Amino acid sequence: MPSYVLLTLAAAWLHALSFTLAKRLWVYSRDPFQISILSQLACGLLAALALPWAGFDAVAQMPGTLAAIGLTVVAGQVFFILALRHGDASFVVPMLGLKLFAVAGFSALWLAEVYEPLVYLGAAGAFASLFLLSDGKLRGSLRSALFVTAAAILYGITDVLLVRAIRAGISPLEIGVYSLIVPPLLTLPISLALLPRRWRVSAPFGRALAIYAAAQIAGMVFLMIAFGLAGKATIVNIVQTSRGLWVLVVVYVMGRMGLAGVERLTGAQYRTRALGAALLTGSLALAILAHR
């Protein structure tokens, strides 16, 4: 199995963990914008610790690309939050899988990255599996569908820009660090003005943010290395959909541990999501084997 696949699987597991930990942040705050901003800021602060190793060459070499990455991340997050505001998470989260097709389209356009038809069939199967992993429920307004589609397109552009930067000679460490630092730098001035008196963080909330950020950054490290080894965006994104399977495992384990803020699943939900996991596994295997 190619090393980039193993690294992407590790990144998917870590991001499944960070996603579940992000849901636990609701235990400490009921303000979605506060959670969004503080979680982004926590990632940026931890990533800044790696600046002595990452250096500042990337800023001089590709300032426009770094700014574009930051803007697409911020804009994508805004649209994602708006989609959640107007639709159920069980609708919005699977629909975010449209990012696969955004990545495939922009990769073909900007990176001349084209695959065999079976790879795209595997991507379609992976996308379909996300609905089963969310209990097969589709309850969302047209407005939420438009918002989540915009978020998926923006996140897809972000990944293609990351691969373009790596191909241009920026190291995975550099692009990973700056992709985490630039978004909070862009949003902090606006956030300070629009969200006054929302910056007080209790000690438990601070610990939860730090643990979330550590898992998110660790996953980002593996993902950037995978992008560097593969040199392609689409196949890595297809493998990254395994995050949906890892979320199921993480939620089950955390639920058994009795951690607060973790959803409890019924037997029917586990059976439906098991079917989704089987479809996802088969789709990933098809895409990887066809790509090789």
Protein backbone atom coordinates (compact mmCIF):
# COMPACT_ATOMS: atom_id res chain seq x y z
CA MET A 1 0.00 0.00 0.00
CA PRO A 2 1.44 3.42 -0.94
CA SER A 3 2.79 5.39 2.00
CA TYR A 4 0.59 8.40 1.21
CA VAL A 5 -2.48 6.18 1.72
CA LEU A 6 -1.29 5.11 5.17
CA LEU A 7 -0.52 8.72 6.10
CA THR A 8 -3.93 9.89 4.87
CA LEU A 9 -5.66 7.15 6.87
CA ALA A 10 -3.75 8.30 9.97
CA ALA A 11 -4.77 11.92 9.24
CA ALA A 12 -8.39 10.83 8.78
CA TRP A 13 -8.37 9.07 12.17
CA LEU A 14 -6.88 12.11 13.90
CA HIS A 15 -9.39 14.44 12.24
CA ALA A 16 -12.23 12.11 13.23
CA LEU A 17 -10.96 12.44 16.78
CA SER A 18 -10.70 16.23 16.53
CA PHE A 19 -14.19 16.44 14.98
CA THR A 20 -15.64 14.50 17.91
CA LEU A 21 -13.68 16.63 20.37
CA ALA A 22 -15.03 19.75 18.63
CA LYS A 23 -18.56 18.54 19.30
CA ARG A 24 -17.64 18.26 23.00
CA LEU A 25 -16.81 21.99 23.02
CA TRP A 26 -20.57 22.59 23.22
CA VAL A 27 -20.34 21.39 26.83
CA TYR A 28 -18.47 24.62 27.63
CA SER A 29 -20.10 27.11 25.24
CA ARG A 30 -23.42 27.40 23.40
CA ASP A 31 -22.18 30.09 21.03
CA PRO A 32 -21.27 28.54 17.62
CA PHE A 33 -19.32 31.58 16.46
CA GLN A 34 -17.30 31.67 19.69
CA ILE A 35 -16.47 27.97 19.31
CA SER A 36 -15.53 28.45 15.66
CA ILE A 37 -13.26 31.42 16.30
CA LEU A 38 -11.62 30.06 19.45
CA SER A 39 -10.98 26.63 17.96
CA GLN A 40 -9.37 28.27 14.92
CA LEU A 41 -7.32 30.53 17.19
CA ALA A 42 -6.18 27.56 19.31
CA CYS A 43 -4.92 25.79 16.18
CA GLY A 44 -3.13 28.93 15.03
CA LEU A 45 -1.39 29.44 18.38
CA LEU A 46 -0.15 25.84 18.54
CA ALA A 47 0.96 25.95 14.90
CA ALA A 48 2.91 29.16 15.62
CA LEU A 49 5.18 27.12 17.93
CA ALA A 50 6.57 25.46 14.77
CA LEU A 51 7.53 28.76 13.12
CA PRO A 52 11.24 28.43 14.10
CA TRP A 53 11.36 25.25 11.98
CA ALA A 54 9.01 26.40 9.22
CA GLY A 55 10.72 29.78 8.78
CA PHE A 56 9.39 32.66 6.73
CA ASP A 57 10.59 31.77 3.23
CA ALA A 58 7.09 30.69 2.21
CA VAL A 59 5.73 34.16 3.02
CA ALA A 60 8.26 35.77 0.70
CA GLN A 61 7.88 33.11 -2.00
CA MET A 62 4.08 32.78 -2.24
CA PRO A 63 2.32 35.51 -0.24
CA GLY A 64 -0.65 35.57 -2.61
CA THR A 65 -1.20 31.83 -2.37
CA LEU A 66 -1.02 31.88 1.43
CA ALA A 67 -3.52 34.73 1.57
CA ALA A 68 -5.82 32.89 -0.85
CA ILE A 69 -5.65 29.74 1.30
CA GLY A 70 -6.50 31.77 4.39
CA LEU A 71 -9.43 33.49 2.67
CA THR A 72 -10.91 30.24 1.30
CA VAL A 73 -10.63 28.58 4.72
CA VAL A 74 -12.35 31.51 6.46
CA ALA A 75 -15.05 31.90 3.81
CA GLY A 76 -15.65 28.14 3.76
CA GLN A 77 -16.08 28.07 7.52
CA VAL A 78 -18.56 30.96 7.40
CA PHE A 79 -20.68 29.19 4.76
CA PHE A 80 -20.46 25.92 6.71
CA ILE A 81 -21.75 27.60 9.88
CA LEU A 82 -24.56 29.25 7.89
CA ALA A 83 -25.47 25.87 6.40
CA LEU A 84 -25.68 24.35 9.89
CA ARG A 85 -27.83 27.28 10.97
CA HIS A 86 -30.40 26.59 8.23
CA GLY A 87 -30.22 22.77 8.08
CA ASP A 88 -29.64 19.67 10.19
CA ALA A 89 -26.11 18.41 10.70
CA SER A 90 -27.27 15.03 9.33
CA PHE A 91 -27.89 16.84 6.03
CA VAL A 92 -25.04 19.35 6.01
CA VAL A 93 -22.12 17.08 7.01
CA PRO A 94 -22.66 14.47 4.26
CA MET A 95 -23.30 17.21 1.71
CA LEU A 96 -19.86 18.58 2.53
CA GLY A 97 -18.62 15.48 0.72
CA LEU A 98 -19.29 17.46 -2.47
CA LYS A 99 -15.78 18.73 -1.79
CA LEU A 100 -14.56 15.54 -3.51
CA PHE A 101 -16.02 16.67 -6.81
CA ALA A 102 -14.83 20.24 -6.33
CA VAL A 103 -11.29 18.96 -5.77
CA ALA A 104 -11.52 16.67 -8.81
CA GLY A 105 -12.74 19.52 -11.03
CA PHE A 106 -10.25 22.14 -9.90
CA SER A 107 -7.39 19.60 -9.90
CA ALA A 108 -8.12 18.75 -13.53
CA LEU A 109 -8.32 22.46 -14.38
CA TRP A 110 -5.32 23.81 -12.45
CA LEU A 111 -3.09 20.77 -11.87
CA ALA A 112 -3.78 18.71 -15.03
CA GLU A 113 -4.71 15.89 -12.64
CA VAL A 114 -6.86 13.26 -14.35
CA TYR A 115 -7.62 9.67 -13.27
CA GLU A 116 -9.07 6.46 -14.65
CA PRO A 117 -12.91 6.30 -14.61
CA LEU A 118 -12.86 3.69 -11.80
CA VAL A 119 -11.19 6.22 -9.49
CA TYR A 120 -14.09 8.63 -9.99
CA LEU A 121 -16.54 5.75 -9.48
CA GLY A 122 -14.82 5.09 -6.14
CA ALA A 123 -15.19 8.79 -5.28
CA ALA A 124 -18.92 8.63 -6.05
CA GLY A 125 -19.27 5.55 -3.82
CA ALA A 126 -17.37 7.26 -1.02
CA PHE A 127 -19.66 10.28 -1.30
CA ALA A 128 -22.77 8.07 -1.20
CA SER A 129 -21.47 6.25 1.89
CA LEU A 130 -21.40 9.53 3.82
CA PHE A 131 -25.19 9.64 3.80
CA LEU A 132 -25.43 6.17 5.36
CA LEU A 133 -22.82 7.18 7.92
CA SER A 134 -25.19 9.99 8.86
CA ASP A 135 -28.18 7.61 9.21
CA GLY A 136 -29.39 8.15 5.66
CA LYS A 137 -31.42 11.20 6.63
CA LEU A 138 -31.71 14.19 4.32
CA ARG A 139 -33.48 17.09 5.97
CA GLY A 140 -32.29 20.44 4.72
CA SER A 141 -33.59 23.61 3.14
CA LEU A 142 -32.55 24.92 -0.25
CA ARG A 143 -30.68 27.68 1.56
CA SER A 144 -28.63 25.22 3.61
CA ALA A 145 -27.89 23.21 0.44
CA LEU A 146 -26.58 26.33 -1.30
CA PHE A 147 -24.45 27.32 1.70
CA VAL A 148 -22.90 23.87 2.13
CA THR A 149 -22.22 23.64 -1.62
CA ALA A 150 -20.36 26.96 -1.42
CA ALA A 151 -18.39 25.67 1.60
CA ALA A 152 -17.48 22.46 -0.26
CA ILE A 153 -16.27 24.41 -3.30
CA LEU A 154 -14.15 26.72 -1.14
CA TYR A 155 -12.62 23.83 0.83
CA GLY A 156 -11.91 22.07 -2.46
CA ILE A 157 -10.10 25.15 -3.75
CA THR A 158 -8.09 25.22 -0.51
CA ASP A 159 -6.78 21.68 -1.02
CA VAL A 160 -5.84 22.35 -4.64
CA LEU A 161 -3.98 25.51 -3.60
CA LEU A 162 -2.12 23.48 -0.97
CA VAL A 163 -0.96 20.94 -3.55
CA ARG A 164 0.01 23.74 -5.98
CA ALA A 165 2.15 25.30 -3.25
CA ILE A 166 3.86 21.97 -2.50
CA ARG A 167 4.52 21.42 -6.20
CA ALA A 168 6.04 24.91 -6.34
CA GLY A 169 8.59 23.96 -3.70
CA ILE A 170 6.94 24.92 -0.40
CA SER A 171 7.55 22.15 2.13
CA PRO A 172 4.61 20.29 3.72
CA LEU A 173 5.70 21.72 7.09
CA GLU A 174 5.65 25.30 5.81
CA ILE A 175 2.31 25.09 4.06
CA GLY A 176 0.76 23.19 6.98
CA VAL A 177 1.89 25.77 9.52
CA TYR A 178 0.76 28.78 7.49
CA SER A 179 -2.57 27.23 6.50
CA LEU A 180 -3.33 27.14 10.24
CA ILE A 181 -1.85 30.54 11.15
CA VAL A 182 -3.20 32.74 8.34
CA PRO A 183 -6.98 32.17 8.86
CA PRO A 184 -7.06 33.37 12.50
CA LEU A 185 -4.81 36.30 11.59
CA LEU A 186 -7.34 37.32 8.95
CA THR A 187 -10.37 36.95 11.23
CA LEU A 188 -8.96 38.19 14.54
CA PRO A 189 -9.41 41.96 13.95
CA ILE A 190 -13.00 41.45 12.77
CA SER A 191 -13.71 39.02 15.59
CA LEU A 192 -12.44 41.45 18.23
CA ALA A 193 -14.80 44.10 16.89
CA LEU A 194 -17.87 41.93 16.31
CA LEU A 195 -17.62 39.60 19.29
CA PRO A 196 -16.79 41.74 22.34
CA ARG A 197 -16.89 40.14 25.78
CA ARG A 198 -16.85 36.63 24.30
CA TRP A 199 -13.19 35.91 24.91
CA ARG A 200 -13.29 34.70 28.51
CA VAL A 201 -12.37 31.02 28.59
CA SER A 202 -12.65 28.79 31.64
CA ALA A 203 -9.83 26.39 32.47
CA PRO A 204 -11.81 23.28 31.36
CA PHE A 205 -12.80 25.03 28.13
CA GLY A 206 -9.16 25.99 27.54
CA ARG A 207 -8.00 22.39 28.06
CA ALA A 208 -10.68 21.11 25.68
CA LEU A 209 -9.59 23.64 23.04
CA ALA A 210 -5.93 22.65 23.44
CA ILE A 211 -6.68 18.92 23.08
CA TYR A 212 -8.85 19.58 20.04
CA ALA A 213 -6.15 21.74 18.43
CA ALA A 214 -3.42 19.17 19.11
CA ALA A 215 -5.42 16.41 17.38
CA GLN A 216 -6.34 18.72 14.49
CA ILE A 217 -2.73 19.81 13.93
CA ALA A 218 -1.37 16.26 14.18
CA GLY A 219 -3.83 15.22 11.49
CA MET A 220 -2.83 18.21 9.39
CA VAL A 221 0.85 17.19 9.60
CA PHE A 222 0.11 13.71 8.25
CA LEU A 223 -2.18 15.12 5.57
CA MET A 224 0.38 17.64 4.32
CA ILE A 225 3.03 14.93 4.10
CA ALA A 226 0.55 12.75 2.20
CA PHE A 227 -0.11 15.60 -0.25
CA GLY A 228 3.64 15.99 -0.69
CA LEU A 229 4.23 12.29 -1.36
CA ALA A 230 1.23 11.86 -3.68
CA GLY A 231 1.68 15.20 -5.43
CA LYS A 232 -2.06 15.02 -6.13
CA ALA A 233 -5.17 16.34 -4.41
CA THR A 234 -8.05 14.15 -5.58
CA ILE A 235 -6.82 10.69 -4.58
CA VAL A 236 -5.78 11.95 -1.13
CA ASN A 237 -9.24 13.48 -0.65
CA ILE A 238 -10.90 10.21 -1.63
CA VAL A 239 -8.91 8.32 1.00
CA GLN A 240 -9.61 11.09 3.51
CA THR A 241 -13.33 10.25 3.38
CA SER A 242 -12.45 7.33 5.64
CA ARG A 243 -12.81 9.94 8.37
CA GLY A 244 -16.53 9.12 8.31
CA LEU A 245 -15.72 5.53 9.33
CA TRP A 246 -13.27 6.62 12.01
CA VAL A 247 -15.84 9.00 13.48
CA LEU A 248 -18.16 6.04 14.02
CA VAL A 249 -15.42 4.20 15.94
CA VAL A 250 -14.37 7.24 17.97
CA VAL A 251 -17.98 8.09 18.92
CA TYR A 252 -18.58 4.50 20.03
CA VAL A 253 -15.43 4.38 22.19
CA MET A 254 -16.01 7.82 23.75
CA GLY A 255 -19.65 6.97 24.36
CA ARG A 256 -18.62 3.78 26.17
CA MET A 257 -16.24 5.87 28.27
CA GLY A 258 -19.17 8.08 29.29
CA LEU A 259 -17.63 11.34 28.09
CA ALA A 260 -20.01 14.32 28.12
CA GLY A 261 -21.02 15.92 24.84
CA VAL A 262 -20.65 12.74 22.74
CA GLU A 263 -23.74 11.55 20.89
CA ARG A 264 -25.34 8.23 21.86
CA LEU A 265 -26.21 5.95 18.95
CA THR A 266 -29.01 3.39 18.79
CA GLY A 267 -28.65 -0.13 17.43
CA ALA A 268 -30.45 0.90 14.22
CA GLN A 269 -28.02 3.78 13.75
CA TYR A 270 -25.04 1.50 14.16
CA ARG A 271 -26.48 -0.93 11.58
CA THR A 272 -27.12 1.84 9.05
CA ARG A 273 -23.69 3.31 9.60
CA ALA A 274 -22.11 -0.15 9.32
CA LEU A 275 -23.58 -0.40 5.80
CA GLY A 276 -22.09 3.02 5.06
CA ALA A 277 -18.74 1.87 6.41
CA ALA A 278 -18.80 -1.21 4.16
CA LEU A 279 -19.64 0.93 1.09
CA LEU A 280 -16.92 3.41 2.03
CA THR A 281 -14.30 0.66 2.46
CA GLY A 282 -15.16 -0.87 -0.92
CA SER A 283 -15.15 2.51 -2.65
CA LEU A 284 -11.75 3.46 -1.19
CA ALA A 285 -10.30 0.09 -2.18
CA LEU A 286 -11.60 0.53 -5.75
CA ALA A 287 -10.19 4.04 -6.04
CA ILE A 288 -6.77 3.10 -4.64
CA LEU A 289 -6.40 -0.06 -6.74
CA ALA A 290 -7.55 1.73 -9.91
CA HIS A 291 -5.11 4.60 -9.24
CA ARG A 292 -2.16 2.24 -8.80
